[in-house]
């Protein structure tokens, strides 16, 4: 059983009440971290809190209830984190949904886009001051690193004219690719590292919770999940990137299961697409940014850095 001390590390995990997020929370607790986690289900959260307390001694883990498909809720979470912890060493974004039909929130924004990407953009920028104070801050985006094409339509980000299909979810995953590369470049020269992770097909409830999938996909999904990664296995890479000393120097890189590096596709390196997404996102979240750092645009893609250290093994 791990014991936390006042100088122990603190990590925020979104989507921490089930699936990969829950597994990430538990592994961090076993390693001695204090875990703050976000989710919507109070009942599930109580169960996770009990597991976290059993995994570590004397640690005041915390649950923050919020719907991250709403920017107002996302901004509230950022404020709440500042009140609950004087330090923040890492953030692991796990919250997300699979949807093939566009839906719109009460804020007038497309739900898949906000939950899978835009709330991450806002929360990351609001938490940057705290993360930059850490000796080795880490920001990890659990998404589908490098696996989706560029289907972002900057003239219709809220998909009012879009047709249903996999691109509804796929464009949000590609947005994570652009964001990971762009934010890493904007933070170059700091101690904060940004990485993007594809955890592999994992045994979670993502297909049961999916919006718009045909009935045959829902029928086959439980059978497929008998042969895929466990959540514990999927949690290994994001947990490693969030805290291990051997993960220094990985900023801007993509990783998959078992700590294996994934090549960053050329489409995610394009400064024009990254700049368009940053500017569009800034416009959408401007009412909530407050005193968040502006972060200058990187002059270039900046691939001059040394190759990432080999992590697999």
C-alpha atoms as a PDB file:
ATOM      1  CA  UNK A   1       0.000   0.000   0.000  1.00  0.00           C
ATOM      2  CA  UNK A   2       1.440   3.345  -1.066  1.00  0.00           C
ATOM      3  CA  UNK A   3       1.657   6.226   1.392  1.00  0.00           C
ATOM      4  CA  UNK A   4       1.320   9.818   0.230  1.00  0.00           C
ATOM      5  CA  UNK A   5       3.307  12.667   1.781  1.00  0.00           C
ATOM      6  CA  UNK A   6       2.831  16.424   1.529  1.00  0.00           C
ATOM      7  CA  UNK A   7       5.424  16.573  -1.252  1.00  0.00           C
ATOM      8  CA  UNK A   8       3.708  13.741  -3.138  1.00  0.00           C
ATOM      9  CA  UNK A   9       2.599  14.187  -6.708  1.00  0.00           C
ATOM     10  CA  UNK A  10      -0.941  15.143  -7.754  1.00  0.00           C
ATOM     11  CA  UNK A  11      -2.677  14.108 -10.979  1.00  0.00           C
ATOM     12  CA  UNK A  12      -6.012  15.072 -12.492  1.00  0.00           C
ATOM     13  CA  UNK A  13      -7.800  12.370 -14.515  1.00  0.00           C
ATOM     14  CA  UNK A  14     -10.913  13.060 -16.575  1.00  0.00           C
ATOM     15  CA  UNK A  15     -13.340  10.229 -17.228  1.00  0.00           C
ATOM     16  CA  UNK A  16     -12.120   8.569 -14.051  1.00  0.00           C
ATOM     17  CA  UNK A  17     -15.285   6.774 -12.982  1.00  0.00           C
ATOM     18  CA  UNK A  18     -15.000   3.854 -15.415  1.00  0.00           C
ATOM     19  CA  UNK A  19     -12.983   2.257 -18.189  1.00  0.00           C
ATOM     20  CA  UNK A  20      -9.425   3.358 -18.884  1.00  0.00           C
ATOM     21  CA  UNK A  21      -9.808   6.437 -16.688  1.00  0.00           C
ATOM     22  CA  UNK A  22     -10.671   4.338 -13.648  1.00  0.00           C
ATOM     23  CA  UNK A  23      -7.726   2.012 -14.309  1.00  0.00           C
ATOM     24  CA  UNK A  24      -5.420   5.023 -14.631  1.00  0.00           C
ATOM     25  CA  UNK A  25      -6.665   6.409 -11.298  1.00  0.00           C
ATOM     26  CA  UNK A  26      -6.078   3.123  -9.487  1.00  0.00           C
ATOM     27  CA  UNK A  27      -2.575   2.632 -10.867  1.00  0.00           C
ATOM     28  CA  UNK A  28      -1.597   6.189  -9.954  1.00  0.00           C
ATOM     29  CA  UNK A  29      -2.878   5.617  -6.401  1.00  0.00           C
ATOM     30  CA  UNK A  30      -0.858   2.404  -6.131  1.00  0.00           C
ATOM     31  CA  UNK A  31       2.218   4.418  -7.094  1.00  0.00           C
ATOM     32  CA  UNK A  32       1.576   6.956  -4.349  1.00  0.00           C
ATOM     33  CA  UNK A  33      -0.080   9.783  -6.267  1.00  0.00           C
ATOM     34  CA  UNK A  34      -2.929  11.873  -4.967  1.00  0.00           C
ATOM     35  CA  UNK A  35      -5.685  11.516  -7.560  1.00  0.00           C
ATOM     36  CA  UNK A  36      -8.305  14.089  -8.485  1.00  0.00           C
ATOM     37  CA  UNK A  37     -10.772  12.668 -10.979  1.00  0.00           C
ATOM     38  CA  UNK A  38     -13.713  14.008 -12.970  1.00  0.00           C
ATOM     39  CA  UNK A  39     -16.894  12.223 -14.006  1.00  0.00           C
ATOM     40  CA  UNK A  40     -20.659  12.520 -14.060  1.00  0.00           C
ATOM     41  CA  UNK A  41     -21.808   9.460 -12.099  1.00  0.00           C
ATOM     42  CA  UNK A  42     -21.731  10.012  -8.329  1.00  0.00           C
ATOM     43  CA  UNK A  43     -22.489   6.350  -7.557  1.00  0.00           C
ATOM     44  CA  UNK A  44     -19.614   5.068  -9.679  1.00  0.00           C
ATOM     45  CA  UNK A  45     -17.358   7.744  -8.209  1.00  0.00           C
ATOM     46  CA  UNK A  46     -18.012   6.537  -4.668  1.00  0.00           C
ATOM     47  CA  UNK A  47     -16.881   3.076  -5.711  1.00  0.00           C
ATOM     48  CA  UNK A  48     -13.711   4.433  -7.293  1.00  0.00           C
ATOM     49  CA  UNK A  49     -12.957   6.534  -4.209  1.00  0.00           C
ATOM     50  CA  UNK A  50     -13.231   3.429  -2.035  1.00  0.00           C
ATOM     51  CA  UNK A  51     -10.797   1.599  -4.323  1.00  0.00           C
ATOM     52  CA  UNK A  52      -8.368   4.524  -4.302  1.00  0.00           C
ATOM     53  CA  UNK A  53      -8.402   4.715  -0.509  1.00  0.00           C
ATOM     54  CA  UNK A  54      -7.768   0.984  -0.297  1.00  0.00           C
ATOM     55  CA  UNK A  55      -4.810   1.344  -2.669  1.00  0.00           C
ATOM     56  CA  UNK A  56      -3.037   4.102  -0.733  1.00  0.00           C
ATOM     57  CA  UNK A  57      -2.717   5.188   2.871  1.00  0.00           C
ATOM     58  CA  UNK A  58      -3.386   8.694   4.144  1.00  0.00           C
ATOM     59  CA  UNK A  59      -4.228  10.142   0.736  1.00  0.00           C
ATOM     60  CA  UNK A  60      -7.080  12.589   0.278  1.00  0.00           C
ATOM     61  CA  UNK A  61      -8.271  11.589  -3.181  1.00  0.00           C
ATOM     62  CA  UNK A  62     -11.038  13.764  -4.605  1.00  0.00           C
ATOM     63  CA  UNK A  63     -13.920  13.466  -7.051  1.00  0.00           C
ATOM     64  CA  UNK A  64     -15.174  16.425  -9.076  1.00  0.00           C
ATOM     65  CA  UNK A  65     -18.590  15.907 -10.590  1.00  0.00           C
ATOM     66  CA  UNK A  66     -19.013  17.632 -13.940  1.00  0.00           C
ATOM     67  CA  UNK A  67     -20.304  17.256 -17.474  1.00  0.00           C
ATOM     68  CA  UNK A  68     -17.305  18.026 -19.661  1.00  0.00           C
ATOM     69  CA  UNK A  69     -19.463  18.368 -22.754  1.00  0.00           C
ATOM     70  CA  UNK A  70     -20.241  21.833 -21.352  1.00  0.00           C
ATOM     71  CA  UNK A  71     -17.572  24.541 -21.385  1.00  0.00           C
ATOM     72  CA  UNK A  72     -19.122  26.219 -18.348  1.00  0.00           C
ATOM     73  CA  UNK A  73     -18.720  22.987 -16.367  1.00  0.00           C
ATOM     74  CA  UNK A  74     -15.175  22.551 -17.642  1.00  0.00           C
ATOM     75  CA  UNK A  75     -14.202  26.037 -16.456  1.00  0.00           C
ATOM     76  CA  UNK A  76     -15.803  25.346 -13.077  1.00  0.00           C
ATOM     77  CA  UNK A  77     -13.703  22.198 -12.728  1.00  0.00           C
ATOM     78  CA  UNK A  78     -10.528  24.200 -13.344  1.00  0.00           C
ATOM     79  CA  UNK A  79     -11.477  26.629 -10.577  1.00  0.00           C
ATOM     80  CA  UNK A  80     -12.348  23.773  -8.234  1.00  0.00           C
ATOM     81  CA  UNK A  81      -8.996  22.069  -8.778  1.00  0.00           C
ATOM     82  CA  UNK A  82      -7.214  25.232  -7.697  1.00  0.00           C
ATOM     83  CA  UNK A  83      -9.210  25.219  -4.460  1.00  0.00           C
ATOM     84  CA  UNK A  84      -8.573  21.557  -3.714  1.00  0.00           C
ATOM     85  CA  UNK A  85      -4.863  21.312  -4.422  1.00  0.00           C
ATOM     86  CA  UNK A  86      -1.937  23.704  -4.209  1.00  0.00           C
ATOM     87  CA  UNK A  87       0.012  21.665  -6.743  1.00  0.00           C
ATOM     88  CA  UNK A  88      -0.634  19.780  -9.966  1.00  0.00           C
ATOM     89  CA  UNK A  89       1.991  17.564 -11.576  1.00  0.00           C
ATOM     90  CA  UNK A  90       0.067  15.845 -14.347  1.00  0.00           C
ATOM     91  CA  UNK A  91      -3.225  15.775 -16.220  1.00  0.00           C
ATOM     92  CA  UNK A  92      -4.471  12.705 -18.085  1.00  0.00           C
ATOM     93  CA  UNK A  93      -7.455  13.277 -20.358  1.00  0.00           C
ATOM     94  CA  UNK A  94      -9.474  10.060 -20.657  1.00  0.00           C
ATOM     95  CA  UNK A  95     -13.058  11.327 -20.944  1.00  0.00           C
ATOM     96  CA  UNK A  96     -14.586  10.779 -24.352  1.00  0.00           C
ATOM     97  CA  UNK A  97     -17.430   9.233 -26.322  1.00  0.00           C
ATOM     98  CA  UNK A  98     -17.925   7.418 -29.591  1.00  0.00           C
ATOM     99  CA  UNK A  99     -20.635   9.002 -31.683  1.00  0.00           C
ATOM    100  CA  UNK A 100     -21.578   8.761 -35.344  1.00  0.00           C
ATOM    101  CA  UNK A 101     -24.350  11.339 -35.208  1.00  0.00           C
ATOM    102  CA  UNK A 102     -23.888  15.025 -34.399  1.00  0.00           C
ATOM    103  CA  UNK A 103     -25.614  16.275 -31.253  1.00  0.00           C
ATOM    104  CA  UNK A 104     -25.732  19.758 -29.762  1.00  0.00           C
ATOM    105  CA  UNK A 105     -25.482  20.845 -26.151  1.00  0.00           C
ATOM    106  CA  UNK A 106     -27.430  23.600 -24.422  1.00  0.00           C
ATOM    107  CA  UNK A 107     -24.437  25.842 -25.193  1.00  0.00           C
ATOM    108  CA  UNK A 108     -25.050  25.325 -28.913  1.00  0.00           C
ATOM    109  CA  UNK A 109     -21.886  23.315 -29.531  1.00  0.00           C
ATOM    110  CA  UNK A 110     -21.520  19.847 -31.019  1.00  0.00           C
ATOM    111  CA  UNK A 111     -21.298  17.383 -28.129  1.00  0.00           C
ATOM    112  CA  UNK A 112     -18.714  14.965 -29.559  1.00  0.00           C
ATOM    113  CA  UNK A 113     -16.399  17.842 -30.460  1.00  0.00           C
ATOM    114  CA  UNK A 114     -16.590  19.432 -27.019  1.00  0.00           C
ATOM    115  CA  UNK A 115     -16.276  16.285 -24.904  1.00  0.00           C
ATOM    116  CA  UNK A 116     -13.563  14.628 -26.986  1.00  0.00           C
ATOM    117  CA  UNK A 117     -11.513  17.720 -27.749  1.00  0.00           C
ATOM    118  CA  UNK A 118     -12.625  21.277 -26.950  1.00  0.00           C
ATOM    119  CA  UNK A 119     -13.071  20.778 -23.186  1.00  0.00           C
ATOM    120  CA  UNK A 120      -9.529  19.339 -23.161  1.00  0.00           C
ATOM    121  CA  UNK A 121      -8.229  22.416 -24.951  1.00  0.00           C
ATOM    122  CA  UNK A 122      -9.914  24.712 -22.435  1.00  0.00           C
ATOM    123  CA  UNK A 123      -8.982  22.709 -19.341  1.00  0.00           C
ATOM    124  CA  UNK A 124      -5.368  22.349 -20.445  1.00  0.00           C
ATOM    125  CA  UNK A 125      -4.995  26.085 -20.971  1.00  0.00           C
ATOM    126  CA  UNK A 126      -6.648  26.933 -17.647  1.00  0.00           C
ATOM    127  CA  UNK A 127      -4.387  24.493 -15.798  1.00  0.00           C
ATOM    128  CA  UNK A 128      -1.149  25.514 -17.519  1.00  0.00           C
ATOM    129  CA  UNK A 129      -0.040  27.894 -14.736  1.00  0.00           C
ATOM    130  CA  UNK A 130      -0.199  25.063 -12.191  1.00  0.00           C
ATOM    131  CA  UNK A 131       1.403  22.489 -14.489  1.00  0.00           C
ATOM    132  CA  UNK A 132       4.242  24.854 -15.390  1.00  0.00           C
ATOM    133  CA  UNK A 133       5.127  25.140 -11.706  1.00  0.00           C
ATOM    134  CA  UNK A 134       5.770  21.390 -11.491  1.00  0.00           C
ATOM    135  CA  UNK A 135       9.366  20.203 -11.691  1.00  0.00           C
ATOM    136  CA  UNK A 136       8.383  17.924 -14.588  1.00  0.00           C
ATOM    137  CA  UNK A 137       4.788  18.613 -15.605  1.00  0.00           C
ATOM    138  CA  UNK A 138       2.992  16.173 -17.876  1.00  0.00           C
ATOM    139  CA  UNK A 139      -0.146  16.455 -19.992  1.00  0.00           C
ATOM    140  CA  UNK A 140      -1.363  13.229 -21.625  1.00  0.00           C
ATOM    141  CA  UNK A 141      -4.196  13.021 -24.145  1.00  0.00           C
ATOM    142  CA  UNK A 142      -5.730   9.549 -24.394  1.00  0.00           C
ATOM    143  CA  UNK A 143      -7.302   9.517 -27.847  1.00  0.00           C
ATOM    144  CA  UNK A 144      -6.669   7.646 -31.103  1.00  0.00           C
ATOM    145  CA  UNK A 145      -3.219   9.049 -31.771  1.00  0.00           C
ATOM    146  CA  UNK A 146      -2.424   9.097 -35.466  1.00  0.00           C
ATOM    147  CA  UNK A 147      -5.262   6.808 -36.535  1.00  0.00           C
ATOM    148  CA  UNK A 148      -7.769   9.196 -38.130  1.00  0.00           C
ATOM    149  CA  UNK A 149      -7.665  11.282 -41.278  1.00  0.00           C
ATOM    150  CA  UNK A 150      -8.036  15.055 -41.327  1.00  0.00           C
ATOM    151  CA  UNK A 151     -11.805  15.514 -41.699  1.00  0.00           C
ATOM    152  CA  UNK A 152     -12.003  18.823 -39.846  1.00  0.00           C
ATOM    153  CA  UNK A 153     -14.225  21.341 -41.613  1.00  0.00           C
ATOM    154  CA  UNK A 154     -13.422  24.751 -40.143  1.00  0.00           C
ATOM    155  CA  UNK A 155     -16.463  26.225 -41.863  1.00  0.00           C
ATOM    156  CA  UNK A 156     -18.719  23.795 -39.990  1.00  0.00           C
ATOM    157  CA  UNK A 157     -17.038  22.742 -36.732  1.00  0.00           C
ATOM    158  CA  UNK A 158     -20.426  22.341 -35.072  1.00  0.00           C
ATOM    159  CA  UNK A 159     -21.495  20.004 -37.898  1.00  0.00           C
ATOM    160  CA  UNK A 160     -24.792  21.681 -38.668  1.00  0.00           C
ATOM    161  CA  UNK A 161     -24.434  20.523 -42.276  1.00  0.00           C
ATOM    162  CA  UNK A 162     -22.623  17.233 -41.630  1.00  0.00           C
ATOM    163  CA  UNK A 163     -23.942  13.784 -42.400  1.00  0.00           C
ATOM    164  CA  UNK A 164     -23.872  10.996 -39.797  1.00  0.00           C
ATOM    165  CA  UNK A 165     -20.861   8.706 -39.963  1.00  0.00           C
ATOM    166  CA  UNK A 166     -17.569   7.785 -38.352  1.00  0.00           C
ATOM    167  CA  UNK A 167     -16.125  11.191 -39.242  1.00  0.00           C
ATOM    168  CA  UNK A 168     -18.303  12.699 -36.488  1.00  0.00           C
ATOM    169  CA  UNK A 169     -16.024  11.046 -33.938  1.00  0.00           C
ATOM    170  CA  UNK A 170     -12.941  10.788 -36.138  1.00  0.00           C
ATOM    171  CA  UNK A 171     -12.511  14.525 -36.607  1.00  0.00           C
ATOM    172  CA  UNK A 172     -12.442  14.981 -32.812  1.00  0.00           C
ATOM    173  CA  UNK A 173      -9.657  12.411 -32.520  1.00  0.00           C
ATOM    174  CA  UNK A 174      -7.654  14.144 -35.233  1.00  0.00           C
ATOM    175  CA  UNK A 175      -8.177  17.417 -33.366  1.00  0.00           C
ATOM    176  CA  UNK A 176      -6.336  15.801 -30.441  1.00  0.00           C
ATOM    177  CA  UNK A 177      -3.461  14.966 -32.786  1.00  0.00           C
ATOM    178  CA  UNK A 178      -3.151  18.575 -33.915  1.00  0.00           C
ATOM    179  CA  UNK A 179      -3.516  19.885 -30.371  1.00  0.00           C
ATOM    180  CA  UNK A 180      -0.851  17.585 -28.918  1.00  0.00           C
ATOM    181  CA  UNK A 181       1.710  18.601 -31.532  1.00  0.00           C
ATOM    182  CA  UNK A 182       0.821  22.284 -31.432  1.00  0.00           C
ATOM    183  CA  UNK A 183       0.751  22.629 -27.653  1.00  0.00           C
ATOM    184  CA  UNK A 184       4.066  20.778 -27.350  1.00  0.00           C
ATOM    185  CA  UNK A 185       5.604  23.255 -29.788  1.00  0.00           C
ATOM    186  CA  UNK A 186       4.142  26.261 -27.979  1.00  0.00           C
ATOM    187  CA  UNK A 187       5.565  24.938 -24.698  1.00  0.00           C
ATOM    188  CA  UNK A 188       8.994  24.138 -26.063  1.00  0.00           C
ATOM    189  CA  UNK A 189      11.657  25.330 -23.643  1.00  0.00           C
ATOM    190  CA  UNK A 190       9.509  24.637 -20.576  1.00  0.00           C
ATOM    191  CA  UNK A 191       9.512  21.575 -18.329  1.00  0.00           C
ATOM    192  CA  UNK A 192       5.952  20.640 -19.340  1.00  0.00           C
ATOM    193  CA  UNK A 193       5.612  17.693 -21.729  1.00  0.00           C
ATOM    194  CA  UNK A 194       2.579  16.929 -23.918  1.00  0.00           C
ATOM    195  CA  UNK A 195       1.949  13.471 -25.383  1.00  0.00           C
ATOM    196  CA  UNK A 196      -0.880  11.717 -27.205  1.00  0.00           C
ATOM    197  CA  UNK A 197      -1.783   8.052 -26.638  1.00  0.00           C
ATOM    198  CA  UNK A 198      -3.678   5.432 -28.570  1.00  0.00           C
ATOM    199  CA  UNK A 199      -4.484   2.827 -25.875  1.00  0.00           C
ATOM    200  CA  UNK A 200      -5.570   0.145 -28.330  1.00  0.00           C
ATOM    201  CA  UNK A 201      -9.010  -1.421 -28.589  1.00  0.00           C
ATOM    202  CA  UNK A 202      -9.932  -1.876 -24.951  1.00  0.00           C
ATOM    203  CA  UNK A 203     -12.511  -3.742 -22.915  1.00  0.00           C
ATOM    204  CA  UNK A 204     -14.712  -0.794 -21.904  1.00  0.00           C
ATOM    205  CA  UNK A 205     -18.344   0.280 -22.259  1.00  0.00           C
ATOM    206  CA  UNK A 206     -17.569   2.655 -25.119  1.00  0.00           C
ATOM    207  CA  UNK A 207     -19.612   0.667 -27.636  1.00  0.00           C
ATOM    208  CA  UNK A 208     -22.542   0.279 -25.249  1.00  0.00           C
ATOM    209  CA  UNK A 209     -22.473   4.040 -24.649  1.00  0.00           C
ATOM    210  CA  UNK A 210     -21.929   4.925 -28.308  1.00  0.00           C
ATOM    211  CA  UNK A 211     -24.411   7.188 -30.075  1.00  0.00           C
ATOM    212  CA  UNK A 212     -25.697   6.255 -33.520  1.00  0.00           C
ATOM    213  CA  UNK A 213     -23.984   2.900 -34.028  1.00  0.00           C
ATOM    214  CA  UNK A 214     -26.013   0.389 -36.073  1.00  0.00           C
ATOM    215  CA  UNK A 215     -27.526  -2.505 -34.138  1.00  0.00           C
ATOM    216  CA  UNK A 216     -25.158  -5.025 -35.704  1.00  0.00           C
ATOM    217  CA  UNK A 217     -22.142  -3.132 -34.299  1.00  0.00           C
ATOM    218  CA  UNK A 218     -23.672  -3.167 -30.820  1.00  0.00           C
ATOM    219  CA  UNK A 219     -24.338  -6.878 -31.179  1.00  0.00           C
ATOM    220  CA  UNK A 220     -20.803  -7.768 -32.274  1.00  0.00           C
ATOM    221  CA  UNK A 221     -18.967  -5.385 -29.900  1.00  0.00           C
ATOM    222  CA  UNK A 222     -19.185  -7.611 -26.757  1.00  0.00           C
ATOM    223  CA  UNK A 223     -17.716 -10.516 -28.727  1.00  0.00           C
ATOM    224  CA  UNK A 224     -14.853  -8.412 -30.084  1.00  0.00           C
ATOM    225  CA  UNK A 225     -14.045  -7.124 -26.607  1.00  0.00           C
ATOM    226  CA  UNK A 226     -13.280 -10.646 -25.435  1.00  0.00           C
ATOM    227  CA  UNK A 227     -10.061 -10.461 -27.468  1.00  0.00           C
ATOM    228  CA  UNK A 228      -8.834  -6.927 -26.765  1.00  0.00           C
ATOM    229  CA  UNK A 229      -6.768  -5.102 -24.143  1.00  0.00           C
ATOM    230  CA  UNK A 230      -7.863  -4.929 -20.538  1.00  0.00           C
ATOM    231  CA  UNK A 231      -8.285  -1.469 -19.045  1.00  0.00           C
ATOM    232  CA  UNK A 232      -5.326  -2.185 -16.759  1.00  0.00           C
ATOM    233  CA  UNK A 233      -3.126  -2.888 -19.778  1.00  0.00           C
ATOM    234  CA  UNK A 234      -4.436   0.192 -21.601  1.00  0.00           C
ATOM    235  CA  UNK A 235      -3.638   2.372 -18.569  1.00  0.00           C
ATOM    236  CA  UNK A 236       0.042   1.438 -18.597  1.00  0.00           C
ATOM    237  CA  UNK A 237       1.194   3.873 -21.298  1.00  0.00           C
ATOM    238  CA  UNK A 238      -0.614   7.021 -20.057  1.00  0.00           C
ATOM    239  CA  UNK A 239       0.458   6.363 -16.465  1.00  0.00           C
ATOM    240  CA  UNK A 240       4.063   5.889 -17.570  1.00  0.00           C
ATOM    241  CA  UNK A 241       4.045   9.104 -19.618  1.00  0.00           C
ATOM    242  CA  UNK A 242       2.474  11.019 -16.732  1.00  0.00           C
ATOM    243  CA  UNK A 243       5.105  10.226 -14.162  1.00  0.00           C
ATOM    244  CA  UNK A 244       8.108   8.152 -15.124  1.00  0.00           C
ATOM    245  CA  UNK A 245      11.510   9.813 -15.349  1.00  0.00           C
ATOM    246  CA  UNK A 246      12.260   7.763 -18.469  1.00  0.00           C
ATOM    247  CA  UNK A 247       9.442   9.606 -20.250  1.00  0.00           C
ATOM    248  CA  UNK A 248      11.309  12.914 -20.189  1.00  0.00           C
ATOM    249  CA  UNK A 249      11.964  14.220 -23.678  1.00  0.00           C
ATOM    250  CA  UNK A 250       8.823  12.753 -25.221  1.00  0.00           C
ATOM    251  CA  UNK A 251       6.857  15.965 -25.722  1.00  0.00           C
ATOM    252  CA  UNK A 252       5.011  16.118 -29.024  1.00  0.00           C
ATOM    253  CA  UNK A 253       5.251  12.340 -29.508  1.00  0.00           C
ATOM    254  CA  UNK A 254       2.555   9.729 -29.988  1.00  0.00           C
ATOM    255  CA  UNK A 255       2.466   6.362 -28.237  1.00  0.00           C
ATOM    256  CA  UNK A 256       0.436   3.180 -28.360  1.00  0.00           C
ATOM    257  CA  UNK A 257      -0.035   0.076 -26.230  1.00  0.00           C
ATOM    258  CA  UNK A 258       2.967  -1.293 -24.326  1.00  0.00           C
ATOM    259  CA  UNK A 259       4.793   2.067 -24.496  1.00  0.00           C
ATOM    260  CA  UNK A 260       5.533   1.750 -28.205  1.00  0.00           C
ATOM    261  CA  UNK A 261       6.053   4.970 -30.107  1.00  0.00           C
ATOM    262  CA  UNK A 262       3.706   5.717 -33.017  1.00  0.00           C
ATOM    263  CA  UNK A 263       4.976   7.887 -35.892  1.00  0.00           C
ATOM    264  CA  UNK A 264       3.312  11.290 -35.911  1.00  0.00           C
ATOM    265  CA  UNK A 265       1.565  11.538 -39.300  1.00  0.00           C
ATOM    266  CA  UNK A 266       2.465  14.417 -41.582  1.00  0.00           C
ATOM    267  CA  UNK A 267      -1.134  15.661 -41.500  1.00  0.00           C
ATOM    268  CA  UNK A 268      -0.788  16.360 -37.754  1.00  0.00           C
ATOM    269  CA  UNK A 269       2.426  18.330 -38.295  1.00  0.00           C
ATOM    270  CA  UNK A 270       0.958  20.902 -40.679  1.00  0.00           C
ATOM    271  CA  UNK A 271       1.341  24.374 -39.120  1.00  0.00           C
ATOM    272  CA  UNK A 272      -1.598  25.732 -41.136  1.00  0.00           C
ATOM    273  CA  UNK A 273      -4.064  23.138 -39.823  1.00  0.00           C
ATOM    274  CA  UNK A 274      -2.731  23.423 -36.286  1.00  0.00           C
ATOM    275  CA  UNK A 275      -3.020  27.195 -36.414  1.00  0.00           C
ATOM    276  CA  UNK A 276      -6.571  27.076 -37.741  1.00  0.00           C
ATOM    277  CA  UNK A 277      -7.633  24.721 -34.948  1.00  0.00           C
ATOM    278  CA  UNK A 278      -5.936  26.795 -32.247  1.00  0.00           C
ATOM    279  CA  UNK A 279      -7.532  30.018 -33.450  1.00  0.00           C
ATOM    280  CA  UNK A 280     -10.982  28.457 -33.852  1.00  0.00           C
ATOM    281  CA  UNK A 281     -10.758  26.837 -30.416  1.00  0.00           C
ATOM    282  CA  UNK A 282      -9.598  30.054 -28.782  1.00  0.00           C
ATOM    283  CA  UNK A 283     -12.587  31.856 -30.250  1.00  0.00           C
ATOM    284  CA  UNK A 284     -14.979  29.205 -28.924  1.00  0.00           C
ATOM    285  CA  UNK A 285     -13.554  29.183 -25.368  1.00  0.00           C
ATOM    286  CA  UNK A 286     -12.643  32.882 -25.113  1.00  0.00           C
ATOM    287  CA  UNK A 287     -15.295  33.625 -22.480  1.00  0.00           C
ATOM    288  CA  UNK A 288     -13.688  31.141 -20.083  1.00  0.00           C
ATOM    289  CA  UNK A 289      -9.952  31.695 -20.615  1.00  0.00           C
ATOM    290  CA  UNK A 290      -9.546  34.379 -17.922  1.00  0.00           C
ATOM    291  CA  UNK A 291      -5.819  34.861 -17.298  1.00  0.00           C
ATOM    292  CA  UNK A 292      -4.680  31.680 -19.076  1.00  0.00           C
ATOM    293  CA  UNK A 293      -1.325  32.071 -20.870  1.00  0.00           C
ATOM    294  CA  UNK A 294      -1.745  33.161 -24.498  1.00  0.00           C
ATOM    295  CA  UNK A 295       1.133  30.983 -25.789  1.00  0.00           C
ATOM    296  CA  UNK A 296       2.742  32.249 -28.956  1.00  0.00           C
ATOM    297  CA  UNK A 297       2.366  30.282 -32.150  1.00  0.00           C
ATOM    298  CA  UNK A 298       5.388  28.103 -32.963  1.00  0.00           C
ATOM    299  CA  UNK A 299       7.473  29.408 -35.882  1.00  0.00           C
ATOM    300  CA  UNK A 300       7.634  25.974 -37.512  1.00  0.00           C
ATOM    301  CA  UNK A 301       6.889  22.316 -36.999  1.00  0.00           C
ATOM    302  CA  UNK A 302      10.180  22.029 -35.146  1.00  0.00           C
ATOM    303  CA  UNK A 303      11.294  18.457 -35.591  1.00  0.00           C
ATOM    304  CA  UNK A 304      14.893  19.241 -34.681  1.00  0.00           C
ATOM    305  CA  UNK A 305      14.660  17.569 -31.296  1.00  0.00           C
ATOM    306  CA  UNK A 306      16.441  14.297 -30.654  1.00  0.00           C
ATOM    307  CA  UNK A 307      14.452  11.099 -31.198  1.00  0.00           C
ATOM    308  CA  UNK A 308      12.267  10.049 -28.290  1.00  0.00           C
ATOM    309  CA  UNK A 309      13.860   7.568 -25.891  1.00  0.00           C
ATOM    310  CA  UNK A 310      12.922   3.934 -26.419  1.00  0.00           C
ATOM    311  CA  UNK A 311      10.277   3.162 -23.779  1.00  0.00           C
ATOM    312  CA  UNK A 312       9.076  -0.307 -24.697  1.00  0.00           C
ATOM    313  CA  UNK A 313      10.383  -3.234 -22.772  1.00  0.00           C
END
